[in-house]
Amino acid sequence: MQINSATSAMLNQEMKTQAEDAKLRKACGDFESLFIYNLLKNGRQSLPQGGLLGNSNESKLMTSMLDQTLAEKCSEGNGLGIGEMLYRQLNAPQAAKGGNLEAVL
């Protein structure tokens, strides 16, 4: 009976660790997406305004949505690598301590 309880406790801890790991990976990927979005947004501000659609509110909204979609697509998979580097940096202390993520942050 104790073996089952011990095994169950270990599996429960492993599932909790995997859930925290998945949340950390998602947060790092979301950060990379936000970073790319800000790069695109600030890069566009340095370009001359106008063009085919002009400088209307609609064109600004469309451009913002385009930048957001591009940022999300660019950060998928390996992306620029910023999310993966951030994940490794934040996960190293957690793995070394064997503690939870909240203690690291």
PDB file of N, CA and C in Angstrom:
ATOM      1  N   MET A   1       0.810  -1.197   0.000  1.00  0.00           N
ATOM      2  CA  MET A   1       0.000   0.000   0.000  1.00  0.00           C
ATOM      3  C   MET A   1       0.856   1.265   0.000  1.00  0.00           C
ATOM      4  N   GLN A   2       1.969   1.230   0.746  1.00  0.00           N
ATOM      5  CA  GLN A   2       2.839   2.400   0.789  1.00  0.00           C
ATOM      6  C   GLN A   2       3.507   2.647  -0.558  1.00  0.00           C
ATOM      7  N   ILE A   3       3.805   1.591  -1.258  1.00  0.00           N
ATOM      8  CA  ILE A   3       4.423   1.744  -2.574  1.00  0.00           C
ATOM      9  C   ILE A   3       3.471   2.488  -3.502  1.00  0.00           C
ATOM     10  N   ASN A   4       2.210   2.139  -3.464  1.00  0.00           N
ATOM     11  CA  ASN A   4       1.235   2.823  -4.300  1.00  0.00           C
ATOM     12  C   ASN A   4       1.099   4.285  -3.906  1.00  0.00           C
ATOM     13  N   SER A   5       1.106   4.574  -2.616  1.00  0.00           N
ATOM     14  CA  SER A   5       1.005   5.962  -2.158  1.00  0.00           C
ATOM     15  C   SER A   5       2.231   6.756  -2.559  1.00  0.00           C
ATOM     16  N   ALA A   6       3.403   6.149  -2.405  1.00  0.00           N
ATOM     17  CA  ALA A   6       4.642   6.831  -2.776  1.00  0.00           C
ATOM     18  C   ALA A   6       4.693   7.058  -4.280  1.00  0.00           C
ATOM     19  N   THR A   7       4.318   6.045  -5.036  1.00  0.00           N
ATOM     20  CA  THR A   7       4.301   6.179  -6.493  1.00  0.00           C
ATOM     21  C   THR A   7       3.302   7.239  -6.922  1.00  0.00           C
ATOM     22  N   SER A   8       2.157   7.234  -6.293  1.00  0.00           N
ATOM     23  CA  SER A   8       1.135   8.229  -6.604  1.00  0.00           C
ATOM     24  C   SER A   8       1.619   9.633  -6.286  1.00  0.00           C
ATOM     25  N   ALA A   9       2.298   9.796  -5.166  1.00  0.00           N
ATOM     26  CA  ALA A   9       2.823  11.113  -4.790  1.00  0.00           C
ATOM     27  C   ALA A   9       3.883  11.576  -5.776  1.00  0.00           C
ATOM     28  N   MET A  10       4.752  10.647  -6.212  1.00  0.00           N
ATOM     29  CA  MET A  10       5.789  11.014  -7.178  1.00  0.00           C
ATOM     30  C   MET A  10       5.174  11.392  -8.519  1.00  0.00           C
ATOM     31  N   LEU A  11       4.183  10.640  -8.960  1.00  0.00           N
ATOM     32  CA  LEU A  11       3.513  10.956 -10.223  1.00  0.00           C
ATOM     33  C   LEU A  11       2.789  12.291 -10.141  1.00  0.00           C
ATOM     34  N   ASN A  12       2.164  12.550  -9.001  1.00  0.00           N
ATOM     35  CA  ASN A  12       1.467  13.817  -8.800  1.00  0.00           C
ATOM     36  C   ASN A  12       2.449  14.983  -8.863  1.00  0.00           C
ATOM     37  N   GLN A  13       3.609  14.837  -8.224  1.00  0.00           N
ATOM     38  CA  GLN A  13       4.634  15.885  -8.247  1.00  0.00           C
ATOM     39  C   GLN A  13       5.164  16.080  -9.665  1.00  0.00           C
ATOM     40  N   GLU A  14       5.359  14.970 -10.395  1.00  0.00           N
ATOM     41  CA  GLU A  14       5.845  15.051 -11.773  1.00  0.00           C
ATOM     42  C   GLU A  14       4.839  15.775 -12.666  1.00  0.00           C
ATOM     43  N   MET A  15       3.555  15.484 -12.495  1.00  0.00           N
ATOM     44  CA  MET A  15       2.522  16.157 -13.285  1.00  0.00           C
ATOM     45  C   MET A  15       2.478  17.645 -12.954  1.00  0.00           C
ATOM     46  N   LYS A  16       2.656  17.988 -11.682  1.00  0.00           N
ATOM     47  CA  LYS A  16       2.667  19.391 -11.267  1.00  0.00           C
ATOM     48  C   LYS A  16       3.863  20.111 -11.885  1.00  0.00           C
ATOM     49  N   THR A  17       5.019  19.443 -11.885  1.00  0.00           N
ATOM     50  CA  THR A  17       6.216  20.025 -12.474  1.00  0.00           C
ATOM     51  C   THR A  17       6.031  20.220 -13.979  1.00  0.00           C
ATOM     52  N   GLN A  18       5.427  19.241 -14.655  1.00  0.00           N
ATOM     53  CA  GLN A  18       5.191  19.363 -16.093  1.00  0.00           C
ATOM     54  C   GLN A  18       4.218  20.495 -16.398  1.00  0.00           C
ATOM     55  N   ALA A  19       3.212  20.680 -15.551  1.00  0.00           N
ATOM     56  CA  ALA A  19       2.252  21.766 -15.754  1.00  0.00           C
ATOM     57  C   ALA A  19       2.932  23.118 -15.576  1.00  0.00           C
ATOM     58  N   GLU A  20       3.790  23.240 -14.562  1.00  0.00           N
ATOM     59  CA  GLU A  20       4.530  24.485 -14.353  1.00  0.00           C
ATOM     60  C   GLU A  20       5.473  24.747 -15.515  1.00  0.00           C
ATOM     61  N   ASP A  21       6.104  23.684 -16.016  1.00  0.00           N
ATOM     62  CA  ASP A  21       7.019  23.806 -17.141  1.00  0.00           C
ATOM     63  C   ASP A  21       6.281  24.290 -18.387  1.00  0.00           C
ATOM     64  N   ALA A  22       5.101  23.754 -18.625  1.00  0.00           N
ATOM     65  CA  ALA A  22       4.301  24.169 -19.784  1.00  0.00           C
ATOM     66  C   ALA A  22       3.876  25.630 -19.655  1.00  0.00           C
ATOM     67  N   LYS A  23       3.505  26.046 -18.445  1.00  0.00           N
ATOM     68  CA  LYS A  23       3.116  27.448 -18.241  1.00  0.00           C
ATOM     69  C   LYS A  23       4.305  28.376 -18.455  1.00  0.00           C
ATOM     70  N   LEU A  24       5.489  27.960 -18.001  1.00  0.00           N
ATOM     71  CA  LEU A  24       6.688  28.774 -18.191  1.00  0.00           C
ATOM     72  C   LEU A  24       7.033  28.876 -19.670  1.00  0.00           C
ATOM     73  N   ARG A  25       6.957  27.765 -20.397  1.00  0.00           N
ATOM     74  CA  ARG A  25       7.237  27.799 -21.841  1.00  0.00           C
ATOM     75  C   ARG A  25       6.271  28.722 -22.576  1.00  0.00           C
ATOM     76  N   LYS A  26       4.992  28.664 -22.227  1.00  0.00           N
ATOM     77  CA  LYS A  26       3.997  29.521 -22.870  1.00  0.00           C
ATOM     78  C   LYS A  26       4.274  30.985 -22.561  1.00  0.00           C
ATOM     79  N   ALA A  27       4.597  31.292 -21.318  1.00  0.00           N
ATOM     80  CA  ALA A  27       4.886  32.676 -20.938  1.00  0.00           C
ATOM     81  C   ALA A  27       6.110  33.198 -21.684  1.00  0.00           C
ATOM     82  N   CYS A  28       7.128  32.376 -21.831  1.00  0.00           N
ATOM     83  CA  CYS A  28       8.328  32.790 -22.559  1.00  0.00           C
ATOM     84  C   CYS A  28       8.027  32.996 -24.043  1.00  0.00           C
ATOM     85  N   GLY A  29       7.212  32.127 -24.620  1.00  0.00           N
ATOM     86  CA  GLY A  29       6.804  32.298 -26.016  1.00  0.00           C
ATOM     87  C   GLY A  29       5.965  33.549 -26.210  1.00  0.00           C
ATOM     88  N   ASP A  30       5.075  33.820 -25.262  1.00  0.00           N
ATOM     89  CA  ASP A  30       4.255  35.034 -25.333  1.00  0.00           C
ATOM     90  C   ASP A  30       5.120  36.283 -25.210  1.00  0.00           C
ATOM     91  N   PHE A  31       6.141  36.218 -24.356  1.00  0.00           N
ATOM     92  CA  PHE A  31       7.053  37.357 -24.224  1.00  0.00           C
ATOM     93  C   PHE A  31       7.789  37.609 -25.533  1.00  0.00           C
ATOM     94  N   GLU A  32       8.250  36.534 -26.176  1.00  0.00           N
ATOM     95  CA  GLU A  32       8.941  36.687 -27.455  1.00  0.00           C
ATOM     96  C   GLU A  32       8.014  37.313 -28.495  1.00  0.00           C
ATOM     97  N   SER A  33       6.769  36.882 -28.522  1.00  0.00           N
ATOM     98  CA  SER A  33       5.793  37.439 -29.447  1.00  0.00           C
ATOM     99  C   SER A  33       5.586  38.929 -29.189  1.00  0.00           C
ATOM    100  N   LEU A  34       5.473  39.297 -27.935  1.00  0.00           N
ATOM    101  CA  LEU A  34       5.304  40.708 -27.572  1.00  0.00           C
ATOM    102  C   LEU A  34       6.535  41.522 -27.953  1.00  0.00           C
ATOM    103  N   PHE A  35       7.704  40.952 -27.763  1.00  0.00           N
ATOM    104  CA  PHE A  35       8.947  41.629 -28.128  1.00  0.00           C
ATOM    105  C   PHE A  35       9.004  41.882 -29.633  1.00  0.00           C
ATOM    106  N   ILE A  36       8.672  40.870 -30.426  1.00  0.00           N
ATOM    107  CA  ILE A  36       8.679  41.015 -31.885  1.00  0.00           C
ATOM    108  C   ILE A  36       7.640  42.046 -32.319  1.00  0.00           C
ATOM    109  N   TYR A  37       6.464  42.013 -31.684  1.00  0.00           N
ATOM    110  CA  TYR A  37       5.416  42.987 -32.008  1.00  0.00           C
ATOM    111  C   TYR A  37       5.926  44.410 -31.787  1.00  0.00           C
ATOM    112  N   ASN A  38       6.594  44.646 -30.668  1.00  0.00           N
ATOM    113  CA  ASN A  38       7.117  45.983 -30.392  1.00  0.00           C
ATOM    114  C   ASN A  38       8.211  46.379 -31.375  1.00  0.00           C
ATOM    115  N   LEU A  39       9.023  45.421 -31.809  1.00  0.00           N
ATOM    116  CA  LEU A  39      10.022  45.714 -32.836  1.00  0.00           C
ATOM    117  C   LEU A  39       9.350  46.160 -34.134  1.00  0.00           C
ATOM    118  N   LEU A  40       8.321  45.427 -34.546  1.00  0.00           N
ATOM    119  CA  LEU A  40       7.605  45.781 -35.771  1.00  0.00           C
ATOM    120  C   LEU A  40       6.913  47.137 -35.640  1.00  0.00           C
ATOM    121  N   LYS A  41       6.262  47.351 -34.516  1.00  0.00           N
ATOM    122  CA  LYS A  41       5.525  48.594 -34.289  1.00  0.00           C
ATOM    123  C   LYS A  41       6.467  49.798 -34.309  1.00  0.00           C
ATOM    124  N   ASN A  42       7.575  49.700 -33.599  1.00  0.00           N
ATOM    125  CA  ASN A  42       8.522  50.814 -33.560  1.00  0.00           C
ATOM    126  C   ASN A  42       9.244  50.978 -34.888  1.00  0.00           C
ATOM    127  N   GLY A  43       9.471  49.883 -35.592  1.00  0.00           N
ATOM    128  CA  GLY A  43      10.080  49.977 -36.914  1.00  0.00           C
ATOM    129  C   GLY A  43       9.168  50.685 -37.900  1.00  0.00           C
ATOM    130  N   ARG A  44       7.875  50.431 -37.813  1.00  0.00           N
ATOM    131  CA  ARG A  44       6.915  51.103 -38.701  1.00  0.00           C
ATOM    132  C   ARG A  44       6.843  52.602 -38.432  1.00  0.00           C
ATOM    133  N   GLN A  45       7.023  52.988 -37.187  1.00  0.00           N
ATOM    134  CA  GLN A  45       6.958  54.411 -36.853  1.00  0.00           C
ATOM    135  C   GLN A  45       8.096  55.194 -37.493  1.00  0.00           C
ATOM    136  N   SER A  46       9.173  54.509 -37.845  1.00  0.00           N
ATOM    137  CA  SER A  46      10.290  55.194 -38.479  1.00  0.00           C
ATOM    138  C   SER A  46      10.100  55.346 -39.989  1.00  0.00           C
ATOM    139  N   LEU A  47       9.072  54.701 -40.542  1.00  0.00           N
ATOM    140  CA  LEU A  47       8.794  54.793 -41.977  1.00  0.00           C
ATOM    141  C   LEU A  47       7.923  56.003 -42.280  1.00  0.00           C
ATOM    142  N   PRO A  48       8.014  56.522 -43.502  1.00  0.00           N
ATOM    143  CA  PRO A  48       7.121  57.627 -43.879  1.00  0.00           C
ATOM    144  C   PRO A  48       5.661  57.172 -43.870  1.00  0.00           C
ATOM    145  N   GLN A  49       4.780  58.030 -43.419  1.00  0.00           N
ATOM    146  CA  GLN A  49       3.352  57.714 -43.339  1.00  0.00           C
ATOM    147  C   GLN A  49       2.684  57.978 -44.684  1.00  0.00           C
ATOM    148  N   GLY A  50       1.509  57.403 -44.862  1.00  0.00           N
ATOM    149  CA  GLY A  50       0.764  57.602 -46.103  1.00  0.00           C
ATOM    150  C   GLY A  50       0.704  56.309 -46.885  1.00  0.00           C
ATOM    151  N   GLY A  51       0.674  56.429 -48.174  1.00  0.00           N
ATOM    152  CA  GLY A  51       0.610  55.247 -49.018  1.00  0.00           C
ATOM    153  C   GLY A  51      -0.776  55.047 -49.580  1.00  0.00           C
ATOM    154  N   LEU A  52      -1.056  53.856 -50.014  1.00  0.00           N
ATOM    155  CA  LEU A  52      -2.314  53.529 -50.665  1.00  0.00           C
ATOM    156  C   LEU A  52      -3.513  53.746 -49.746  1.00  0.00           C
ATOM    157  N   LEU A  53      -3.407  53.331 -48.498  1.00  0.00           N
ATOM    158  CA  LEU A  53      -4.530  53.454 -47.568  1.00  0.00           C
ATOM    159  C   LEU A  53      -4.527  54.759 -46.781  1.00  0.00           C
ATOM    160  N   GLY A  54      -3.493  55.533 -46.927  1.00  0.00           N
ATOM    161  CA  GLY A  54      -3.429  56.793 -46.197  1.00  0.00           C
ATOM    162  C   GLY A  54      -3.057  56.574 -44.740  1.00  0.00           C
ATOM    163  N   ASN A  55      -3.434  57.541 -43.914  1.00  0.00           N
ATOM    164  CA  ASN A  55      -3.078  57.492 -42.501  1.00  0.00           C
ATOM    165  C   ASN A  55      -4.342  57.476 -41.648  1.00  0.00           C
ATOM    166  N   SER A  56      -5.345  56.743 -42.074  1.00  0.00           N
ATOM    167  CA  SER A  56      -6.624  56.712 -41.367  1.00  0.00           C
ATOM    168  C   SER A  56      -6.555  55.785 -40.153  1.00  0.00           C
ATOM    169  N   ASN A  57      -7.558  55.886 -39.303  1.00  0.00           N
ATOM    170  CA  ASN A  57      -7.641  55.004 -38.139  1.00  0.00           C
ATOM    171  C   ASN A  57      -7.776  53.547 -38.563  1.00  0.00           C
ATOM    172  N   GLU A  58      -8.490  53.326 -39.656  1.00  0.00           N
ATOM    173  CA  GLU A  58      -8.669  51.965 -40.152  1.00  0.00           C
ATOM    174  C   GLU A  58      -7.345  51.353 -40.586  1.00  0.00           C
ATOM    175  N   SER A  59      -6.530  52.133 -41.289  1.00  0.00           N
ATOM    176  CA  SER A  59      -5.241  51.600 -41.733  1.00  0.00           C
ATOM    177  C   SER A  59      -4.313  51.366 -40.544  1.00  0.00           C
ATOM    178  N   LYS A  60      -4.407  52.211 -39.525  1.00  0.00           N
ATOM    179  CA  LYS A  60      -3.601  51.999 -38.314  1.00  0.00           C
ATOM    180  C   LYS A  60      -4.017  50.714 -37.608  1.00  0.00           C
ATOM    181  N   LEU A  61      -5.326  50.473 -37.540  1.00  0.00           N
ATOM    182  CA  LEU A  61      -5.833  49.254 -36.916  1.00  0.00           C
ATOM    183  C   LEU A  61      -5.400  48.025 -37.709  1.00  0.00           C
ATOM    184  N   MET A  62      -5.517  48.100 -39.031  1.00  0.00           N
ATOM    185  CA  MET A  62      -5.121  46.983 -39.876  1.00  0.00           C
ATOM    186  C   MET A  62      -3.626  46.698 -39.731  1.00  0.00           C
ATOM    187  N   THR A  63      -2.816  47.734 -39.702  1.00  0.00           N
ATOM    188  CA  THR A  63      -1.377  47.571 -39.548  1.00  0.00           C
ATOM    189  C   THR A  63      -1.037  46.963 -38.197  1.00  0.00           C
ATOM    190  N   SER A  64      -1.731  47.402 -37.159  1.00  0.00           N
ATOM    191  CA  SER A  64      -1.504  46.855 -35.822  1.00  0.00           C
ATOM    192  C   SER A  64      -1.854  45.370 -35.768  1.00  0.00           C
ATOM    193  N   MET A  65      -2.977  45.001 -36.381  1.00  0.00           N
ATOM    194  CA  MET A  65      -3.374  43.589 -36.411  1.00  0.00           C
ATOM    195  C   MET A  65      -2.389  42.765 -37.234  1.00  0.00           C
ATOM    196  N   LEU A  66      -1.890  43.337 -38.331  1.00  0.00           N
ATOM    197  CA  LEU A  66      -0.898  42.648 -39.152  1.00  0.00           C
ATOM    198  C   LEU A  66       0.378  42.415 -38.351  1.00  0.00           C
ATOM    199  N   ASP A  67       0.830  43.444 -37.640  1.00  0.00           N
ATOM    200  CA  ASP A  67       2.034  43.309 -36.821  1.00  0.00           C
ATOM    201  C   ASP A  67       1.854  42.247 -35.742  1.00  0.00           C
ATOM    202  N   GLN A  68       0.681  42.220 -35.131  1.00  0.00           N
ATOM    203  CA  GLN A  68       0.415  41.238 -34.082  1.00  0.00           C
ATOM    204  C   GLN A  68       0.440  39.818 -34.650  1.00  0.00           C
ATOM    205  N   THR A  69      -0.185  39.625 -35.803  1.00  0.00           N
ATOM    206  CA  THR A  69      -0.204  38.301 -36.429  1.00  0.00           C
ATOM    207  C   THR A  69       1.198  37.879 -36.858  1.00  0.00           C
ATOM    208  N   LEU A  70       1.949  38.809 -37.441  1.00  0.00           N
ATOM    209  CA  LEU A  70       3.324  38.496 -37.836  1.00  0.00           C
ATOM    210  C   LEU A  70       4.165  38.117 -36.623  1.00  0.00           C
ATOM    211  N   ALA A  71       3.996  38.847 -35.530  1.00  0.00           N
ATOM    212  CA  ALA A  71       4.753  38.565 -34.311  1.00  0.00           C
ATOM    213  C   ALA A  71       4.429  37.177 -33.774  1.00  0.00           C
ATOM    214  N   GLU A  72       3.153  36.818 -33.776  1.00  0.00           N
ATOM    215  CA  GLU A  72       2.756  35.490 -33.290  1.00  0.00           C
ATOM    216  C   GLU A  72       3.332  34.393 -34.175  1.00  0.00           C
ATOM    217  N   LYS A  73       3.274  34.593 -35.490  1.00  0.00           N
ATOM    218  CA  LYS A  73       3.796  33.583 -36.416  1.00  0.00           C
ATOM    219  C   LYS A  73       5.317  33.479 -36.315  1.00  0.00           C
ATOM    220  N   CYS A  74       5.990  34.617 -36.138  1.00  0.00           N
ATOM    221  CA  CYS A  74       7.451  34.601 -36.032  1.00  0.00           C
ATOM    222  C   CYS A  74       7.924  33.912 -34.761  1.00  0.00           C
ATOM    223  N   SER A  75       7.141  34.000 -33.698  1.00  0.00           N
ATOM    224  CA  SER A  75       7.571  33.410 -32.427  1.00  0.00           C
ATOM    225  C   SER A  75       7.189  31.936 -32.303  1.00  0.00           C
ATOM    226  N   GLU A  76       6.400  31.410 -33.246  1.00  0.00           N
ATOM    227  CA  GLU A  76       6.059  29.986 -33.218  1.00  0.00           C
ATOM    228  C   GLU A  76       7.301  29.160 -33.525  1.00  0.00           C
ATOM    229  N   GLY A  77       7.298  27.940 -33.035  1.00  0.00           N
ATOM    230  CA  GLY A  77       8.454  27.071 -33.257  1.00  0.00           C
ATOM    231  C   GLY A  77       9.660  27.622 -32.528  1.00  0.00           C
ATOM    232  N   ASN A  78      10.774  27.731 -33.227  1.00  0.00           N
ATOM    233  CA  ASN A  78      11.985  28.264 -32.605  1.00  0.00           C
ATOM    234  C   ASN A  78      11.993  29.780 -32.564  1.00  0.00           C
ATOM    235  N   GLY A  79      11.253  30.419 -33.466  1.00  0.00           N
ATOM    236  CA  GLY A  79      11.201  31.877 -33.485  1.00  0.00           C
ATOM    237  C   GLY A  79      12.586  32.483 -33.610  1.00  0.00           C
ATOM    238  N   LEU A  80      12.797  33.556 -32.874  1.00  0.00           N
ATOM    239  CA  LEU A  80      14.107  34.196 -32.850  1.00  0.00           C
ATOM    240  C   LEU A  80      15.029  33.551 -31.823  1.00  0.00           C
ATOM    241  N   GLY A  81      14.466  32.744 -30.958  1.00  0.00           N
ATOM    242  CA  GLY A  81      15.257  32.096 -29.916  1.00  0.00           C
ATOM    243  C   GLY A  81      15.211  32.820 -28.587  1.00  0.00           C
ATOM    244  N   ILE A  82      14.547  33.969 -28.552  1.00  0.00           N
ATOM    245  CA  ILE A  82      14.474  34.746 -27.312  1.00  0.00           C
ATOM    246  C   ILE A  82      13.665  33.991 -26.261  1.00  0.00           C
ATOM    247  N   GLY A  83      12.552  33.416 -26.668  1.00  0.00           N
ATOM    248  CA  GLY A  83      11.713  32.671 -25.739  1.00  0.00           C
ATOM    249  C   GLY A  83      12.440  31.468 -25.156  1.00  0.00           C
ATOM    250  N   GLU A  84      13.186  30.764 -25.987  1.00  0.00           N
ATOM    251  CA  GLU A  84      13.931  29.589 -25.517  1.00  0.00           C
ATOM    252  C   GLU A  84      15.051  30.000 -24.560  1.00  0.00           C
ATOM    253  N   MET A  85      15.759  31.084 -24.879  1.00  0.00           N
ATOM    254  CA  MET A  85      16.812  31.559 -23.976  1.00  0.00           C
ATOM    255  C   MET A  85      16.231  31.982 -22.633  1.00  0.00           C
ATOM    256  N   LEU A  86      15.107  32.678 -22.676  1.00  0.00           N
ATOM    257  CA  LEU A  86      14.449  33.105 -21.444  1.00  0.00           C
ATOM    258  C   LEU A  86      13.984  31.896 -20.645  1.00  0.00           C
ATOM    259  N   TYR A  87      13.429  30.903 -21.328  1.00  0.00           N
ATOM    260  CA  TYR A  87      12.985  29.684 -20.655  1.00  0.00           C
ATOM    261  C   TYR A  87      14.152  28.999 -19.947  1.00  0.00           C
ATOM    262  N   ARG A  88      15.270  28.840 -20.649  1.00  0.00           N
ATOM    263  CA  ARG A  88      16.430  28.190 -20.034  1.00  0.00           C
ATOM    264  C   ARG A  88      16.946  28.979 -18.840  1.00  0.00           C
ATOM    265  N   GLN A  89      16.944  30.299 -18.969  1.00  0.00           N
ATOM    266  CA  GLN A  89      17.433  31.148 -17.880  1.00  0.00           C
ATOM    267  C   GLN A  89      16.537  31.024 -16.649  1.00  0.00           C
ATOM    268  N   LEU A  90      15.234  31.021 -16.857  1.00  0.00           N
ATOM    269  CA  LEU A  90      14.305  30.942 -15.731  1.00  0.00           C
ATOM    270  C   LEU A  90      14.168  29.527 -15.186  1.00  0.00           C
ATOM    271  N   ASN A  91      14.375  28.530 -16.017  1.00  0.00           N
ATOM    272  CA  ASN A  91      14.206  27.147 -15.591  1.00  0.00           C
ATOM    273  C   ASN A  91      15.432  26.616 -14.858  1.00  0.00           C
ATOM    274  N   ALA A  92      16.609  27.163 -15.108  1.00  0.00           N
ATOM    275  CA  ALA A  92      17.830  26.675 -14.467  1.00  0.00           C
ATOM    276  C   ALA A  92      17.776  26.790 -12.943  1.00  0.00           C
ATOM    277  N   PRO A  93      17.413  27.937 -12.377  1.00  0.00           N
ATOM    278  CA  PRO A  93      17.338  28.000 -10.908  1.00  0.00           C
ATOM    279  C   PRO A  93      16.276  27.069 -10.344  1.00  0.00           C
ATOM    280  N   GLN A  94      15.188  26.902 -11.060  1.00  0.00           N
ATOM    281  CA  GLN A  94      14.112  26.028 -10.598  1.00  0.00           C
ATOM    282  C   GLN A  94      14.600  24.584 -10.551  1.00  0.00           C
ATOM    283  N   ALA A  95      15.308  24.169 -11.561  1.00  0.00           N
ATOM    284  CA  ALA A  95      15.806  22.795 -11.598  1.00  0.00           C
ATOM    285  C   ALA A  95      16.878  22.582 -10.532  1.00  0.00           C
ATOM    286  N   ALA A  96      17.719  23.592 -10.322  1.00  0.00           N
ATOM    287  CA  ALA A  96      18.783  23.464  -9.332  1.00  0.00           C
ATOM    288  C   ALA A  96      18.223  23.386  -7.918  1.00  0.00           C
ATOM    289  N   LYS A  97      17.209  24.190  -7.637  1.00  0.00           N
ATOM    290  CA  LYS A  97      16.623  24.210  -6.301  1.00  0.00           C
ATOM    291  C   LYS A  97      15.656  23.062  -6.086  1.00  0.00           C
ATOM    292  N   GLY A  98      15.048  22.604  -7.173  1.00  0.00           N
ATOM    293  CA  GLY A  98      14.013  21.593  -7.040  1.00  0.00           C
ATOM    294  C   GLY A  98      12.742  22.180  -6.466  1.00  0.00           C
ATOM    295  N   GLY A  99      12.662  23.513  -6.488  1.00  0.00           N
ATOM    296  CA  GLY A  99      11.512  24.199  -5.919  1.00  0.00           C
ATOM    297  C   GLY A  99      10.513  24.586  -6.970  1.00  0.00           C
ATOM    298  N   ASN A 100       9.557  25.380  -6.554  1.00  0.00           N
ATOM    299  CA  ASN A 100       8.520  25.799  -7.494  1.00  0.00           C
ATOM    300  C   ASN A 100       8.915  27.090  -8.194  1.00  0.00           C
ATOM    301  N   LEU A 101       8.191  27.425  -9.226  1.00  0.00           N
ATOM    302  CA  LEU A 101       8.494  28.577 -10.060  1.00  0.00           C
ATOM    303  C   LEU A 101       8.303  29.886  -9.318  1.00  0.00           C
ATOM    304  N   GLU A 102       7.322  29.968  -8.427  1.00  0.00           N
ATOM    305  CA  GLU A 102       7.052  31.210  -7.712  1.00  0.00           C
ATOM    306  C   GLU A 102       8.245  31.624  -6.854  1.00  0.00           C
ATOM    307  N   ALA A 103       8.997  30.669  -6.330  1.00  0.00           N
ATOM    308  CA  ALA A 103      10.162  30.987  -5.512  1.00  0.00           C
ATOM    309  C   ALA A 103      11.256  31.633  -6.349  1.00  0.00           C
ATOM    310  N   VAL A 104      11.353  31.263  -7.625  1.00  0.00           N
ATOM    311  CA  VAL A 104      12.369  31.822  -8.511  1.00  0.00           C
ATOM    312  C   VAL A 104      12.010  33.235  -8.916  1.00  0.00           C
ATOM    313  N   LEU A 105      10.737  33.448  -9.237  1.00  0.00           N
ATOM    314  CA  LEU A 105      10.291  34.751  -9.694  1.00  0.00           C
ATOM    315  C   LEU A 105      10.089  35.646  -8.512  1.00  0.00           C
TER     316      LEU A 105
END
